[in-house]
Amino acid sequence: MRATIDGVLLADADPQHLITIEGNFYFPPDSLTIGTLQESPTPYVCPWKGRAHYYSVETPHREHRDAAWCYPQPRRSAIETVGHDFTGYVAFDTTRVVIE
């Protein structure tokens, strides 16, 4: 599966390597296109997954603020609930990023 925005490839991974959580596809860190995600200062804490880290994407057309996120240190209980360690996996805002 591929994640793109404004024609820019953000991630590309075999579907079997993705983790689905609450309807979002989380891409493994090694599937990300280097240099496409810029750290965002936006704070967020999920009640069951823990502290999220947001990323913005700058394309030739515009900046897409907080278009992606990950959990750098998800709660152990969240990993157990999901059934997979999703540390560092990145999900994308599907209202702006095309997942296909």
Protein backbone atom coordinates (compact mmCIF):
# COMPACT_ATOMS: atom_id res chain seq x y z
CA MET A 1 0.00 0.00 0.00
CA ARG A 2 1.07 3.53 -0.68
CA ALA A 3 0.42 6.80 1.12
CA THR A 4 0.61 9.93 -1.05
CA ILE A 5 -0.30 13.59 -0.78
CA ASP A 6 -0.24 16.03 -3.70
CA GLY A 7 1.48 13.28 -5.69
CA VAL A 8 4.34 12.97 -3.14
CA LEU A 9 5.03 9.43 -1.91
CA LEU A 10 5.07 9.36 1.89
CA ALA A 11 5.20 5.61 2.52
CA ASP A 12 5.11 2.34 0.60
CA ALA A 13 4.69 -1.06 2.27
CA ASP A 14 3.35 -4.52 1.63
CA PRO A 15 -0.16 -4.64 3.17
CA GLN A 16 0.86 -7.54 5.39
CA HIS A 17 3.34 -5.24 7.16
CA LEU A 18 0.73 -2.61 8.05
CA ILE A 19 -1.05 -2.54 11.39
CA THR A 20 -4.68 -1.40 11.49
CA ILE A 21 -5.80 0.46 14.61
CA GLU A 22 -9.19 2.14 14.87
CA GLY A 23 -9.57 2.13 11.08
CA ASN A 24 -6.16 3.72 10.43
CA PHE A 25 -3.32 1.99 8.60
CA TYR A 26 -0.02 2.32 10.46
CA PHE A 27 3.03 2.03 8.19
CA PRO A 28 6.29 0.57 9.52
CA PRO A 29 9.12 3.09 9.98
CA ASP A 30 11.24 1.52 7.22
CA SER A 31 8.47 2.11 4.66
CA LEU A 32 8.55 5.91 5.02
CA THR A 33 10.07 8.11 2.34
CA ILE A 34 13.01 9.85 3.99
CA GLY A 35 12.65 13.61 4.27
CA THR A 36 8.91 13.86 3.68
CA LEU A 37 7.78 14.20 7.30
CA GLN A 38 8.70 17.19 9.46
CA GLU A 39 8.22 17.10 13.22
CA SER A 40 5.28 19.10 14.54
CA PRO A 41 4.98 20.58 18.03
CA THR A 42 1.29 19.64 18.27
CA PRO A 43 0.69 17.79 21.57
CA TYR A 44 -1.76 14.90 21.91
CA VAL A 45 -2.22 12.05 24.34
CA CYS A 46 -4.51 9.17 23.45
CA PRO A 47 -6.26 7.78 26.54
CA TRP A 48 -5.29 4.20 25.72
CA LYS A 49 -2.27 4.41 23.35
CA GLY A 50 -0.28 7.17 25.08
CA ARG A 51 1.56 10.26 23.81
CA ALA A 52 1.41 10.82 20.06
CA HIS A 53 4.00 12.58 17.94
CA TYR A 54 2.64 14.53 14.96
CA TYR A 55 4.28 15.27 11.62
CA SER A 56 3.57 17.83 8.92
CA VAL A 57 4.19 17.32 5.22
CA GLU A 58 5.44 20.08 2.93
CA THR A 59 4.80 19.58 -0.76
CA PRO A 60 5.49 21.92 -3.68
CA HIS A 61 1.82 22.96 -3.43
CA ARG A 62 1.48 23.64 0.33
CA GLU A 63 2.13 22.57 3.90
CA HIS A 64 -0.13 19.88 5.33
CA ARG A 65 0.09 20.47 9.07
CA ASP A 66 -0.25 17.39 11.31
CA ALA A 67 -1.02 15.05 8.40
CA ALA A 68 0.67 12.08 10.11
CA TRP A 69 1.29 10.75 13.60
CA CYS A 70 2.94 7.95 15.49
CA TYR A 71 3.36 6.63 19.01
CA PRO A 72 7.08 6.59 19.83
CA GLN A 73 6.43 4.83 23.16
CA PRO A 74 2.93 3.35 23.18
CA ARG A 75 1.58 2.01 26.43
CA ARG A 76 2.31 -1.69 27.00
CA SER A 77 -1.44 -2.30 27.44
CA ALA A 78 -2.07 -0.75 23.98
CA ILE A 79 0.47 -3.07 22.36
CA GLU A 80 -1.22 -6.01 24.07
CA THR A 81 -4.66 -4.83 22.94
CA VAL A 82 -3.54 -4.38 19.32
CA GLY A 83 -1.58 -7.63 19.37
CA HIS A 84 1.46 -6.06 17.66
CA ASP A 85 4.18 -3.67 18.72
CA PHE A 86 3.39 -0.51 16.76
CA THR A 87 6.20 1.62 18.23
CA GLY A 88 7.20 4.22 15.62
CA TYR A 89 4.65 3.09 13.04
CA VAL A 90 3.10 6.08 11.24
CA ALA A 91 -0.56 6.69 10.39
CA PHE A 92 -1.89 9.35 8.04
CA ASP A 93 -4.91 11.65 8.03
CA THR A 94 -7.02 10.02 5.31
CA THR A 95 -8.99 13.22 4.71
CA ARG A 96 -5.77 14.60 3.14
CA VAL A 97 -3.51 11.62 2.42
CA VAL A 98 -4.47 9.03 -0.18
CA ILE A 99 -3.97 5.44 0.96
CA GLU A 100 -4.19 2.89 -1.87
